[in-house]
Every structure is written in structure tokens, then in C-alpha cells.
Amino acid sequence: MDKRPELTRNISNKDFKEFYWYKKELIEFCCVEKLDRQAGQIDLTNRIE
């Protein structure tokens, strides 16, 4: 199994889609990137993609 990359602005779309991300991680990413973080896990994932 590949090591999961860090969730940052520089992550490739392929790597982002390949791994599971906890909602907490998605919310933290949205905070840093100034994206709306008020959503469910699926919506957050789609927003980041």
C-alpha cells in the first residue's frame, strides 16, 4: 500500500481521489484554503476536487 500523501494545495487530483480522507481533514483543508466548510464529507470532497 502506498503512503498517503499530505493533503495540501499541491496534491494531485489523482492522489486526492486515490485515498480516503476523514471529514476533519477535509474541514481543516477548507479552512486553510478559505473554502466553505459547512457541508457533509461527500460535498467537501467534491468541493476540494
PDB file of N, CA and C in Angstrom:
ATOM      1  N   MET A   1       0.842  -1.188   0.000  1.00  0.00           N
ATOM      2  CA  MET A   1       0.000   0.000   0.000  1.00  0.00           C
ATOM      3  C   MET A   1       0.883   1.246   0.000  1.00  0.00           C
ATOM      4  N   ASP A   2       0.520   2.204  -0.812  1.00  0.00           N
ATOM      5  CA  ASP A   2       1.270   3.458  -0.879  1.00  0.00           C
ATOM      6  C   ASP A   2       1.016   4.294   0.363  1.00  0.00           C
ATOM      7  N   LYS A   3       2.035   5.081   0.714  1.00  0.00           N
ATOM      8  CA  LYS A   3       1.895   6.003   1.829  1.00  0.00           C
ATOM      9  C   LYS A   3       0.972   7.140   1.400  1.00  0.00           C
ATOM     10  N   ARG A   4       0.044   7.478   2.238  1.00  0.00           N
ATOM     11  CA  ARG A   4      -0.908   8.538   1.930  1.00  0.00           C
ATOM     12  C   ARG A   4      -0.202   9.888   1.927  1.00  0.00           C
ATOM     13  N   PRO A   5      -0.410  10.680   0.875  1.00  0.00           N
ATOM     14  CA  PRO A   5       0.245  11.992   0.810  1.00  0.00           C
ATOM     15  C   PRO A   5      -0.413  12.979   1.767  1.00  0.00           C
ATOM     16  N   GLU A   6       0.272  14.081   2.011  1.00  0.00           N
ATOM     17  CA  GLU A   6      -0.277  15.136   2.837  1.00  0.00           C
ATOM     18  C   GLU A   6      -1.337  15.886   2.014  1.00  0.00           C
ATOM     19  N   LEU A   7      -2.418  16.250   2.677  1.00  0.00           N
ATOM     20  CA  LEU A   7      -3.479  16.978   1.997  1.00  0.00           C
ATOM     21  C   LEU A   7      -3.130  18.466   1.984  1.00  0.00           C
ATOM     22  N   THR A   8      -2.576  18.900   0.868  1.00  0.00           N
ATOM     23  CA  THR A   8      -2.194  20.297   0.689  1.00  0.00           C
ATOM     24  C   THR A   8      -2.682  20.763  -0.674  1.00  0.00           C
ATOM     25  N   ARG A   9      -2.521  22.023  -0.935  1.00  0.00           N
ATOM     26  CA  ARG A   9      -2.913  22.622  -2.213  1.00  0.00           C
ATOM     27  C   ARG A   9      -2.194  21.943  -3.386  1.00  0.00           C
ATOM     28  N   ASN A  10      -1.012  21.386  -3.137  1.00  0.00           N
ATOM     29  CA  ASN A  10      -0.191  20.803  -4.200  1.00  0.00           C
ATOM     30  C   ASN A  10      -0.482  19.335  -4.498  1.00  0.00           C
ATOM     31  N   ILE A  11      -1.431  18.741  -3.816  1.00  0.00           N
ATOM     32  CA  ILE A  11      -1.749  17.331  -4.065  1.00  0.00           C
ATOM     33  C   ILE A  11      -2.387  17.202  -5.457  1.00  0.00           C
ATOM     34  N   SER A  12      -2.016  16.161  -6.148  1.00  0.00           N
ATOM     35  CA  SER A  12      -2.618  15.947  -7.471  1.00  0.00           C
ATOM     36  C   SER A  12      -4.042  15.418  -7.292  1.00  0.00           C
ATOM     37  N   ASN A  13      -4.859  15.675  -8.289  1.00  0.00           N
ATOM     38  CA  ASN A  13      -6.239  15.195  -8.251  1.00  0.00           C
ATOM     39  C   ASN A  13      -6.269  13.664  -8.156  1.00  0.00           C
ATOM     40  N   LYS A  14      -5.352  13.022  -8.858  1.00  0.00           N
ATOM     41  CA  LYS A  14      -5.258  11.563  -8.837  1.00  0.00           C
ATOM     42  C   LYS A  14      -4.982  11.066  -7.420  1.00  0.00           C
ATOM     43  N   ASP A  15      -4.000  11.670  -6.751  1.00  0.00           N
ATOM     44  CA  ASP A  15      -3.676  11.263  -5.381  1.00  0.00           C
ATOM     45  C   ASP A  15      -4.828  11.566  -4.426  1.00  0.00           C
ATOM     46  N   PHE A  16      -5.466  12.706  -4.625  1.00  0.00           N
ATOM     47  CA  PHE A  16      -6.591  13.057  -3.749  1.00  0.00           C
ATOM     48  C   PHE A  16      -7.694  12.018  -3.858  1.00  0.00           C
ATOM     49  N   LYS A  17      -8.019  11.610  -5.073  1.00  0.00           N
ATOM     50  CA  LYS A  17      -9.092  10.640  -5.292  1.00  0.00           C
ATOM     51  C   LYS A  17      -8.707   9.232  -4.837  1.00  0.00           C
ATOM     52  N   GLU A  18      -7.429   8.924  -4.831  1.00  0.00           N
ATOM     53  CA  GLU A  18      -6.956   7.568  -4.540  1.00  0.00           C
ATOM     54  C   GLU A  18      -7.039   7.198  -3.051  1.00  0.00           C
ATOM     55  N   PHE A  19      -7.067   8.197  -2.183  1.00  0.00           N
ATOM     56  CA  PHE A  19      -7.026   7.934  -0.753  1.00  0.00           C
ATOM     57  C   PHE A  19      -8.296   8.386  -0.057  1.00  0.00           C
ATOM     58  N   TYR A  20      -8.549   7.788   1.113  1.00  0.00           N
ATOM     59  CA  TYR A  20      -9.690   8.163   1.946  1.00  0.00           C
ATOM     60  C   TYR A  20      -9.269   9.320   2.842  1.00  0.00           C
ATOM     61  N   TRP A  21     -10.129  10.334   2.959  1.00  0.00           N
ATOM     62  CA  TRP A  21      -9.849  11.487   3.803  1.00  0.00           C
ATOM     63  C   TRP A  21     -10.950  11.615   4.843  1.00  0.00           C
ATOM     64  N   TYR A  22     -10.563  11.780   6.094  1.00  0.00           N
ATOM     65  CA  TYR A  22     -11.536  11.985   7.165  1.00  0.00           C
ATOM     66  C   TYR A  22     -12.156  13.362   7.028  1.00  0.00           C
ATOM     67  N   LYS A  23     -13.388  13.495   7.467  1.00  0.00           N
ATOM     68  CA  LYS A  23     -14.078  14.773   7.380  1.00  0.00           C
ATOM     69  C   LYS A  23     -13.281  15.873   8.086  1.00  0.00           C
ATOM     70  N   LYS A  24     -12.702  15.543   9.215  1.00  0.00           N
ATOM     71  CA  LYS A  24     -11.900  16.528   9.960  1.00  0.00           C
ATOM     72  C   LYS A  24     -10.756  17.066   9.092  1.00  0.00           C
ATOM     73  N   GLU A  25     -10.115  16.186   8.345  1.00  0.00           N
ATOM     74  CA  GLU A  25      -9.017  16.603   7.463  1.00  0.00           C
ATOM     75  C   GLU A  25      -9.531  17.516   6.342  1.00  0.00           C
ATOM     76  N   LEU A  26     -10.685  17.177   5.803  1.00  0.00           N
ATOM     77  CA  LEU A  26     -11.263  17.978   4.728  1.00  0.00           C
ATOM     78  C   LEU A  26     -11.644  19.368   5.230  1.00  0.00           C
ATOM     79  N   ILE A  27     -12.206  19.427   6.436  1.00  0.00           N
ATOM     80  CA  ILE A  27     -12.575  20.708   7.034  1.00  0.00           C
ATOM     81  C   ILE A  27     -11.338  21.562   7.282  1.00  0.00           C
ATOM     82  N   GLU A  28     -10.285  20.949   7.807  1.00  0.00           N
ATOM     83  CA  GLU A  28      -9.042  21.697   8.050  1.00  0.00           C
ATOM     84  C   GLU A  28      -8.477  22.248   6.741  1.00  0.00           C
ATOM     85  N   PHE A  29      -8.505  21.436   5.692  1.00  0.00           N
ATOM     86  CA  PHE A  29      -8.023  21.895   4.385  1.00  0.00           C
ATOM     87  C   PHE A  29      -8.858  23.074   3.898  1.00  0.00           C
ATOM     88  N   CYS A  30     -10.173  22.976   4.018  1.00  0.00           N
ATOM     89  CA  CYS A  30     -11.056  24.061   3.579  1.00  0.00           C
ATOM     90  C   CYS A  30     -10.795  25.342   4.366  1.00  0.00           C
ATOM     91  N   CYS A  31     -10.510  25.223   5.639  1.00  0.00           N
ATOM     92  CA  CYS A  31     -10.186  26.402   6.456  1.00  0.00           C
ATOM     93  C   CYS A  31      -8.929  27.087   5.926  1.00  0.00           C
ATOM     94  N   VAL A  32      -7.900  26.306   5.678  1.00  0.00           N
ATOM     95  CA  VAL A  32      -6.629  26.853   5.192  1.00  0.00           C
ATOM     96  C   VAL A  32      -6.807  27.514   3.826  1.00  0.00           C
ATOM     97  N   GLU A  33      -7.581  26.887   2.971  1.00  0.00           N
ATOM     98  CA  GLU A  33      -7.765  27.381   1.599  1.00  0.00           C
ATOM     99  C   GLU A  33      -8.945  28.346   1.466  1.00  0.00           C
ATOM    100  N   LYS A  34      -9.559  28.692   2.597  1.00  0.00           N
ATOM    101  CA  LYS A  34     -10.676  29.643   2.631  1.00  0.00           C
ATOM    102  C   LYS A  34     -11.848  29.200   1.756  1.00  0.00           C
ATOM    103  N   LEU A  35     -12.158  27.910   1.843  1.00  0.00           N
ATOM    104  CA  LEU A  35     -13.326  27.343   1.171  1.00  0.00           C
ATOM    105  C   LEU A  35     -14.427  27.140   2.207  1.00  0.00           C
ATOM    106  N   ASP A  36     -15.667  27.156   1.754  1.00  0.00           N
ATOM    107  CA  ASP A  36     -16.784  26.900   2.654  1.00  0.00           C
ATOM    108  C   ASP A  36     -16.635  25.493   3.235  1.00  0.00           C
ATOM    109  N   ARG A  37     -16.698  25.386   4.537  1.00  0.00           N
ATOM    110  CA  ARG A  37     -16.501  24.090   5.197  1.00  0.00           C
ATOM    111  C   ARG A  37     -17.791  23.528   5.786  1.00  0.00           C
ATOM    112  N   GLN A  38     -18.902  24.179   5.519  1.00  0.00           N
ATOM    113  CA  GLN A  38     -20.186  23.749   6.047  1.00  0.00           C
ATOM    114  C   GLN A  38     -20.855  22.784   5.069  1.00  0.00           C
ATOM    115  N   ALA A  39     -20.501  21.510   5.183  1.00  0.00           N
ATOM    116  CA  ALA A  39     -21.077  20.502   4.294  1.00  0.00           C
ATOM    117  C   ALA A  39     -20.747  19.121   4.828  1.00  0.00           C
ATOM    118  N   GLY A  40     -21.348  18.132   4.222  1.00  0.00           N
ATOM    119  CA  GLY A  40     -21.035  16.757   4.563  1.00  0.00           C
ATOM    120  C   GLY A  40     -19.735  16.328   3.905  1.00  0.00           C
ATOM    121  N   GLN A  41     -19.281  15.154   4.267  1.00  0.00           N
ATOM    122  CA  GLN A  41     -17.996  14.662   3.776  1.00  0.00           C
ATOM    123  C   GLN A  41     -17.959  14.543   2.253  1.00  0.00           C
ATOM    124  N   ILE A  42     -19.006  14.060   1.651  1.00  0.00           N
ATOM    125  CA  ILE A  42     -19.043  13.902   0.196  1.00  0.00           C
ATOM    126  C   ILE A  42     -18.987  15.263  -0.485  1.00  0.00           C
ATOM    127  N   ASP A  43     -19.769  16.219   0.015  1.00  0.00           N
ATOM    128  CA  ASP A  43     -19.763  17.555  -0.577  1.00  0.00           C
ATOM    129  C   ASP A  43     -18.411  18.234  -0.412  1.00  0.00           C
ATOM    130  N   LEU A  44     -17.765  18.054   0.737  1.00  0.00           N
ATOM    131  CA  LEU A  44     -16.445  18.625   0.948  1.00  0.00           C
ATOM    132  C   LEU A  44     -15.437  18.028  -0.034  1.00  0.00           C
ATOM    133  N   THR A  45     -15.507  16.729  -0.210  1.00  0.00           N
ATOM    134  CA  THR A  45     -14.621  16.050  -1.151  1.00  0.00           C
ATOM    135  C   THR A  45     -14.816  16.593  -2.563  1.00  0.00           C
ATOM    136  N   ASN A  46     -16.061  16.746  -2.974  1.00  0.00           N
ATOM    137  CA  ASN A  46     -16.354  17.271  -4.313  1.00  0.00           C
ATOM    138  C   ASN A  46     -15.870  18.711  -4.438  1.00  0.00           C
ATOM    139  N   ARG A  47     -16.025  19.495  -3.407  1.00  0.00           N
ATOM    140  CA  ARG A  47     -15.604  20.898  -3.433  1.00  0.00           C
ATOM    141  C   ARG A  47     -14.086  20.998  -3.596  1.00  0.00           C
ATOM    142  N   ILE A  48     -13.352  20.167  -2.903  1.00  0.00           N
ATOM    143  CA  ILE A  48     -11.892  20.186  -2.979  1.00  0.00           C
ATOM    144  C   ILE A  48     -11.405  19.692  -4.337  1.00  0.00           C
ATOM    145  N   GLU A  49     -12.077  18.685  -4.859  1.00  0.00           N
ATOM    146  CA  GLU A  49     -11.702  18.174  -6.184  1.00  0.00           C
ATOM    147  C   GLU A  49     -11.749  19.285  -7.194  1.00  0.00           C
TER     148      GLU A  49
END
